[in-house]
C-alpha atoms as a PDB file:
ATOM      1  CA  MET A   1       0.098   0.038  -0.113  1.00  0.00           C
ATOM      2  CA  THR A   2       1.407   3.371  -1.157  1.00  0.00           C
ATOM      3  CA  ASN A   3      -0.195   6.948  -0.879  1.00  0.00           C
ATOM      4  CA  LEU A   4       2.037   9.324  -2.664  1.00  0.00           C
ATOM      5  CA  LEU A   5       1.426  13.190  -3.495  1.00  0.00           C
ATOM      6  CA  ILE A   6       3.111  14.963  -6.165  1.00  0.00           C
ATOM      7  CA  VAL A   7       3.479  18.727  -6.008  1.00  0.00           C
ATOM      8  CA  GLY A   8       5.279  21.513  -7.945  1.00  0.00           C
ATOM      9  CA  PRO A   9       4.359  24.783  -9.898  1.00  0.00           C
ATOM     10  CA  PRO A  10       1.989  24.535 -12.868  1.00  0.00           C
ATOM     11  CA  GLY A  11       4.117  23.279 -15.843  1.00  0.00           C
ATOM     12  CA  ALA A  12       6.705  21.431 -13.693  1.00  0.00           C
ATOM     13  CA  GLY A  13       5.769  18.161 -15.358  1.00  0.00           C
ATOM     14  CA  LYS A  14       3.662  16.939 -12.622  1.00  0.00           C
ATOM     15  CA  GLY A  15       0.834  15.111 -14.626  1.00  0.00           C
ATOM     16  CA  THR A  16       3.625  13.196 -16.728  1.00  0.00           C
ATOM     17  CA  GLN A  17       5.464  12.159 -13.811  1.00  0.00           C
ATOM     18  CA  ALA A  18       2.346  11.031 -11.792  1.00  0.00           C
ATOM     19  CA  VAL A  19       1.197   8.623 -14.561  1.00  0.00           C
ATOM     20  CA  ARG A  20       4.795   7.029 -14.679  1.00  0.00           C
ATOM     21  CA  ILE A  21       5.167   6.867 -10.820  1.00  0.00           C
ATOM     22  CA  ALA A  22       1.648   5.410 -10.474  1.00  0.00           C
ATOM     23  CA  GLU A  23       2.385   2.674 -12.969  1.00  0.00           C
ATOM     24  CA  ARG A  24       5.353   1.583 -11.217  1.00  0.00           C
ATOM     25  CA  TYR A  25       3.561   1.336  -7.917  1.00  0.00           C
ATOM     26  CA  GLY A  26       0.373  -0.160  -9.218  1.00  0.00           C
ATOM     27  CA  ILE A  27      -1.913   2.566  -7.968  1.00  0.00           C
ATOM     28  CA  PRO A  28      -4.097   5.116  -9.691  1.00  0.00           C
ATOM     29  CA  ALA A  29      -2.892   8.544 -10.529  1.00  0.00           C
ATOM     30  CA  ILE A  30      -5.677  10.898  -9.633  1.00  0.00           C
ATOM     31  CA  SER A  31      -5.515  14.265 -11.133  1.00  0.00           C
ATOM     32  CA  THR A  32      -7.882  16.897 -10.048  1.00  0.00           C
ATOM     33  CA  GLY A  33      -6.992  18.865 -12.952  1.00  0.00           C
ATOM     34  CA  ASP A  34      -8.087  15.971 -15.459  1.00  0.00           C
ATOM     35  CA  ILE A  35     -11.235  15.612 -13.342  1.00  0.00           C
ATOM     36  CA  PHE A  36     -12.131  19.267 -13.784  1.00  0.00           C
ATOM     37  CA  ARG A  37     -11.117  19.360 -17.511  1.00  0.00           C
ATOM     38  CA  ALA A  38     -13.534  16.171 -18.224  1.00  0.00           C
ATOM     39  CA  ASN A  39     -16.288  17.990 -16.690  1.00  0.00           C
ATOM     40  CA  ILE A  40     -15.623  20.987 -18.514  1.00  0.00           C
ATOM     41  CA  LYS A  41     -15.480  19.429 -21.762  1.00  0.00           C
ATOM     42  CA  ASP A  42     -18.857  17.508 -21.055  1.00  0.00           C
ATOM     43  CA  GLN A  43     -20.328  21.149 -20.058  1.00  0.00           C
ATOM     44  CA  THR A  44     -21.341  19.674 -16.743  1.00  0.00           C
ATOM     45  CA  THR A  45     -22.658  21.982 -14.145  1.00  0.00           C
ATOM     46  CA  LEU A  46     -19.665  21.609 -12.063  1.00  0.00           C
ATOM     47  CA  GLY A  47     -17.531  22.002 -15.394  1.00  0.00           C
ATOM     48  CA  LYS A  48     -19.201  25.272 -16.183  1.00  0.00           C
ATOM     49  CA  LYS A  49     -18.343  26.466 -12.527  1.00  0.00           C
ATOM     50  CA  VAL A  50     -14.832  24.991 -12.668  1.00  0.00           C
ATOM     51  CA  SER A  51     -13.980  26.946 -16.272  1.00  0.00           C
ATOM     52  CA  GLU A  52     -15.171  30.280 -15.085  1.00  0.00           C
ATOM     53  CA  ILE A  53     -12.709  29.924 -12.039  1.00  0.00           C
ATOM     54  CA  LEU A  54      -9.904  28.549 -14.127  1.00  0.00           C
ATOM     55  CA  ASP A  55     -10.332  31.131 -16.723  1.00  0.00           C
ATOM     56  CA  ARG A  56      -9.655  33.796 -13.961  1.00  0.00           C
ATOM     57  CA  GLY A  57      -6.621  31.889 -12.943  1.00  0.00           C
ATOM     58  CA  GLU A  58      -7.882  31.078  -9.592  1.00  0.00           C
ATOM     59  CA  LEU A  59      -8.101  27.823  -7.356  1.00  0.00           C
ATOM     60  CA  VAL A  60     -11.310  25.722  -7.459  1.00  0.00           C
ATOM     61  CA  PRO A  61     -12.709  26.233  -3.941  1.00  0.00           C
ATOM     62  CA  ASP A  62     -11.820  23.472  -1.388  1.00  0.00           C
ATOM     63  CA  SER A  63     -15.450  22.276  -0.878  1.00  0.00           C
ATOM     64  CA  LEU A  64     -15.926  21.189  -4.596  1.00  0.00           C
ATOM     65  CA  THR A  65     -12.333  19.536  -4.627  1.00  0.00           C
ATOM     66  CA  ASN A  66     -12.544  17.787  -1.458  1.00  0.00           C
ATOM     67  CA  ASP A  67     -15.839  16.185  -2.427  1.00  0.00           C
ATOM     68  CA  LEU A  68     -14.587  14.992  -5.680  1.00  0.00           C
ATOM     69  CA  ILE A  69     -11.329  13.648  -3.863  1.00  0.00           C
ATOM     70  CA  ALA A  70     -13.154  11.903  -1.203  1.00  0.00           C
ATOM     71  CA  ASP A  71     -15.551  10.191  -3.842  1.00  0.00           C
ATOM     72  CA  ARG A  72     -12.564   9.112  -5.890  1.00  0.00           C
ATOM     73  CA  LEU A  73     -10.392   7.790  -2.990  1.00  0.00           C
ATOM     74  CA  HIS A  74     -13.347   5.460  -2.025  1.00  0.00           C
ATOM     75  CA  GLN A  75     -13.476   3.827  -5.356  1.00  0.00           C
ATOM     76  CA  GLU A  76     -12.068   0.033  -5.710  1.00  0.00           C
ATOM     77  CA  ASP A  77      -8.784   0.950  -7.546  1.00  0.00           C
ATOM     78  CA  ALA A  78      -7.520   3.270  -4.981  1.00  0.00           C
ATOM     79  CA  ARG A  79      -8.104   0.821  -2.067  1.00  0.00           C
ATOM     80  CA  GLU A  80      -4.374  -0.264  -2.158  1.00  0.00           C
ATOM     81  CA  GLY A  81      -2.919   3.391  -2.498  1.00  0.00           C
ATOM     82  CA  TYR A  82      -3.093   6.397  -4.719  1.00  0.00           C
ATOM     83  CA  LEU A  83      -0.784   9.074  -6.128  1.00  0.00           C
ATOM     84  CA  LEU A  84      -2.494  12.526  -6.169  1.00  0.00           C
ATOM     85  CA  ASP A  85      -1.576  15.188  -8.680  1.00  0.00           C
ATOM     86  CA  GLY A  86      -2.963  18.749  -7.982  1.00  0.00           C
ATOM     87  CA  TYR A  87      -4.384  18.072  -4.474  1.00  0.00           C
ATOM     88  CA  PRO A  88      -3.971  19.156  -1.837  1.00  0.00           C
ATOM     89  CA  ARG A  89      -3.469  22.730  -2.556  1.00  0.00           C
ATOM     90  CA  THR A  90      -4.443  24.354   0.662  1.00  0.00           C
ATOM     91  CA  THR A  91      -3.908  23.585   4.310  1.00  0.00           C
ATOM     92  CA  GLY A  92      -7.745  23.128   4.572  1.00  0.00           C
ATOM     93  CA  GLN A  93      -7.402  20.281   2.003  1.00  0.00           C
ATOM     94  CA  VAL A  94      -4.384  18.700   3.640  1.00  0.00           C
ATOM     95  CA  GLU A  95      -6.624  18.477   6.969  1.00  0.00           C
ATOM     96  CA  PHE A  96      -9.389  17.050   4.743  1.00  0.00           C
ATOM     97  CA  LEU A  97      -7.288  14.381   3.221  1.00  0.00           C
ATOM     98  CA  ASP A  98      -5.809  13.509   6.704  1.00  0.00           C
ATOM     99  CA  GLY A  99      -9.263  12.816   7.718  1.00  0.00           C
ATOM    100  CA  VAL A 100     -10.002  10.575   4.579  1.00  0.00           C
ATOM    101  CA  ASN A 101      -6.715   8.727   5.224  1.00  0.00           C
ATOM    102  CA  THR A 102      -7.696   8.237   8.970  1.00  0.00           C
ATOM    103  CA  GLU A 103     -10.826   6.707   7.820  1.00  0.00           C
ATOM    104  CA  ARG A 104      -8.950   4.235   5.609  1.00  0.00           C
ATOM    105  CA  GLY A 105      -6.399   3.543   8.240  1.00  0.00           C
ATOM    106  CA  GLN A 106      -3.960   4.947   5.933  1.00  0.00           C
ATOM    107  CA  GLN A 107      -1.381   7.909   5.632  1.00  0.00           C
ATOM    108  CA  ILE A 108       0.799   9.773   3.095  1.00  0.00           C
ATOM    109  CA  ASP A 109       3.877   7.922   2.463  1.00  0.00           C
ATOM    110  CA  ALA A 110       5.882  10.779   0.671  1.00  0.00           C
ATOM    111  CA  VAL A 111       5.353  13.920  -1.155  1.00  0.00           C
ATOM    112  CA  VAL A 112       7.373  14.224  -4.464  1.00  0.00           C
ATOM    113  CA  ARG A 113       8.173  17.874  -5.106  1.00  0.00           C
ATOM    114  CA  LEU A 114       9.271  18.640  -8.742  1.00  0.00           C
ATOM    115  CA  VAL A 115      11.356  21.711  -8.563  1.00  0.00           C
ATOM    116  CA  ALA A 116      11.754  23.733 -11.890  1.00  0.00           C
ATOM    117  CA  ASP A 117      12.904  27.092 -12.950  1.00  0.00           C
ATOM    118  CA  LYS A 118      10.151  29.732 -13.181  1.00  0.00           C
ATOM    119  CA  GLU A 119      11.240  30.817 -16.805  1.00  0.00           C
ATOM    120  CA  GLU A 120      11.202  27.184 -18.014  1.00  0.00           C
ATOM    121  CA  VAL A 121       7.747  26.646 -16.376  1.00  0.00           C
ATOM    122  CA  VAL A 122       6.298  29.633 -18.317  1.00  0.00           C
ATOM    123  CA  ARG A 123       7.763  28.385 -21.573  1.00  0.00           C
ATOM    124  CA  ARG A 124       6.245  24.949 -21.004  1.00  0.00           C
ATOM    125  CA  LEU A 125       2.842  26.421 -20.487  1.00  0.00           C
ATOM    126  CA  ARG A 126       2.870  28.559 -23.443  1.00  0.00           C
ATOM    127  CA  LYS A 127       3.738  25.552 -25.497  1.00  0.00           C
ATOM    128  CA  ARG A 128       1.275  23.431 -23.990  1.00  0.00           C
ATOM    129  CA  ALA A 129      -1.392  26.427 -24.458  1.00  0.00           C
ATOM    130  CA  GLU A 130      -0.426  26.434 -28.363  1.00  0.00           C
ATOM    131  CA  GLU A 131      -0.575  22.730 -28.758  1.00  0.00           C
ATOM    132  CA  GLN A 132      -3.683  21.948 -26.734  1.00  0.00           C
ATOM    133  CA  GLY A 133      -5.461  25.156 -27.101  1.00  0.00           C
ATOM    134  CA  ARG A 134      -6.120  25.464 -23.281  1.00  0.00           C
ATOM    135  CA  SER A 135      -7.860  28.756 -22.312  1.00  0.00           C
ATOM    136  CA  ASP A 136      -6.295  28.549 -18.783  1.00  0.00           C
ATOM    137  CA  ASP A 137      -2.572  28.760 -20.356  1.00  0.00           C
ATOM    138  CA  ASN A 138      -2.425  32.419 -21.662  1.00  0.00           C
ATOM    139  CA  ALA A 139       0.635  34.584 -20.790  1.00  0.00           C
ATOM    140  CA  GLU A 140      -1.482  36.686 -18.065  1.00  0.00           C
ATOM    141  CA  THR A 141      -3.167  33.641 -16.613  1.00  0.00           C
ATOM    142  CA  ILE A 142       0.306  31.830 -16.378  1.00  0.00           C
ATOM    143  CA  ARG A 143       1.947  34.450 -14.401  1.00  0.00           C
ATOM    144  CA  HIS A 144      -1.327  34.705 -12.189  1.00  0.00           C
ATOM    145  CA  ARG A 145      -1.264  30.886 -11.581  1.00  0.00           C
ATOM    146  CA  LEU A 146       2.279  31.005 -10.538  1.00  0.00           C
ATOM    147  CA  ASP A 147       1.694  33.665  -8.153  1.00  0.00           C
ATOM    148  CA  VAL A 148      -1.379  32.001  -6.649  1.00  0.00           C
ATOM    149  CA  TYR A 149       1.117  28.752  -6.428  1.00  0.00           C
ATOM    150  CA  GLU A 150       3.654  30.678  -4.606  1.00  0.00           C
ATOM    151  CA  ARG A 151       1.318  32.347  -2.308  1.00  0.00           C
ATOM    152  CA  GLU A 152      -1.214  29.705  -1.397  1.00  0.00           C
ATOM    153  CA  THR A 153       0.269  26.259  -2.332  1.00  0.00           C
ATOM    154  CA  ALA A 154       4.086  26.454  -1.624  1.00  0.00           C
ATOM    155  CA  PRO A 155       3.524  26.860   2.099  1.00  0.00           C
ATOM    156  CA  LEU A 156       2.198  23.376   2.194  1.00  0.00           C
ATOM    157  CA  ILE A 157       5.772  22.330   1.438  1.00  0.00           C
ATOM    158  CA  GLU A 158       6.807  23.486   4.733  1.00  0.00           C
ATOM    159  CA  LEU A 159       4.110  21.679   6.302  1.00  0.00           C
ATOM    160  CA  PHE A 160       4.916  18.348   4.705  1.00  0.00           C
ATOM    161  CA  ALA A 161       8.647  19.091   5.297  1.00  0.00           C
ATOM    162  CA  SER A 162       7.740  19.220   9.107  1.00  0.00           C
ATOM    163  CA  ARG A 163       6.209  15.893   8.743  1.00  0.00           C
ATOM    164  CA  GLY A 164       9.282  14.508   6.921  1.00  0.00           C
ATOM    165  CA  LEU A 165       7.618  13.722   3.807  1.00  0.00           C
ATOM    166  CA  ILE A 166       9.279  15.640   1.171  1.00  0.00           C
ATOM    167  CA  VAL A 167      11.243  14.166  -1.722  1.00  0.00           C
ATOM    168  CA  GLU A 168      12.780  16.881  -3.628  1.00  0.00           C
ATOM    169  CA  VAL A 169      13.444  16.117  -7.272  1.00  0.00           C
ATOM    170  CA  ASP A 170      14.874  18.237 -10.140  1.00  0.00           C
ATOM    171  CA  GLY A 171      12.048  18.427 -12.468  1.00  0.00           C
ATOM    172  CA  LEU A 172      14.027  19.743 -15.498  1.00  0.00           C
ATOM    173  CA  GLY A 173      15.682  17.260 -18.035  1.00  0.00           C
ATOM    174  CA  GLU A 174      14.455  14.640 -20.231  1.00  0.00           C
ATOM    175  CA  ILE A 175      11.190  12.719 -19.071  1.00  0.00           C
ATOM    176  CA  ASP A 176      12.996   9.446 -18.573  1.00  0.00           C
ATOM    177  CA  GLU A 177      15.586  11.237 -16.621  1.00  0.00           C
ATOM    178  CA  VAL A 178      13.265  12.794 -14.167  1.00  0.00           C
ATOM    179  CA  THR A 179      11.376   9.673 -13.697  1.00  0.00           C
ATOM    180  CA  GLU A 180      14.482   7.833 -12.647  1.00  0.00           C
ATOM    181  CA  ARG A 181      15.351  10.598 -10.330  1.00  0.00           C
ATOM    182  CA  VAL A 182      11.906  10.197  -8.632  1.00  0.00           C
ATOM    183  CA  LEU A 183      11.858   6.441  -8.532  1.00  0.00           C
ATOM    184  CA  THR A 184      15.463   6.210  -7.190  1.00  0.00           C
ATOM    185  CA  ALA A 185      14.628   9.013  -4.524  1.00  0.00           C
ATOM    186  CA  LEU A 186      11.332   6.986  -3.315  1.00  0.00           C
ATOM    187  CA  ALA A 187      13.320   3.863  -3.328  1.00  0.00           C
ATOM    188  CA  GLU A 188      15.959   5.607  -0.896  1.00  0.00           C
ATOM    189  CA  ARG A 189      13.094   6.280   1.406  1.00  0.00           C
ATOM    190  CA  GLY A 190      12.046   2.491   1.293  1.00  0.00           C
ATOM    191  CA  LEU A 191       9.127   2.831  -1.064  1.00  0.00           C
ATOM    192  CA  LYS A 192      10.045   0.076  -3.629  1.00  0.00           C
END
């Protein structure tokens, strides 16, 4: 049983690495961003609310996100563990996840922190916007999202560090190289 989180600024490669890490550990990679984008694409009520929020470059409120995560973690494929990408993003969400884990008799085993240069992140996100036509990746919104990340999400790193959970990895380089760095760092923590 392995429960992991992956954190880092938007554009640091979390989604790509999350899928690879989850495959290695045989657990689902659960991305709040993917859940939100699917709802936006399907024009659900939630999708319309989320679209408006993301277009402003803001974070989705904890109440909406918490409900989605609680539901997802109680599904069969997450029984033996999970890798969360994009959650938690606030201390309130950490507290909520702690409660869900307590109910499950589990805990977070490690938090993979991908570190990436801000200018490289901006370049990656602008390229992604061109390739995918994502409305939440225009230049102004990118800078706003990075500011929001620094202000609201980065403090979680201190919280997880105080619990001894942070596994810091350089997120720049070839995808395979970054994956190998992550897996090596997790193995050094005893997660094989």
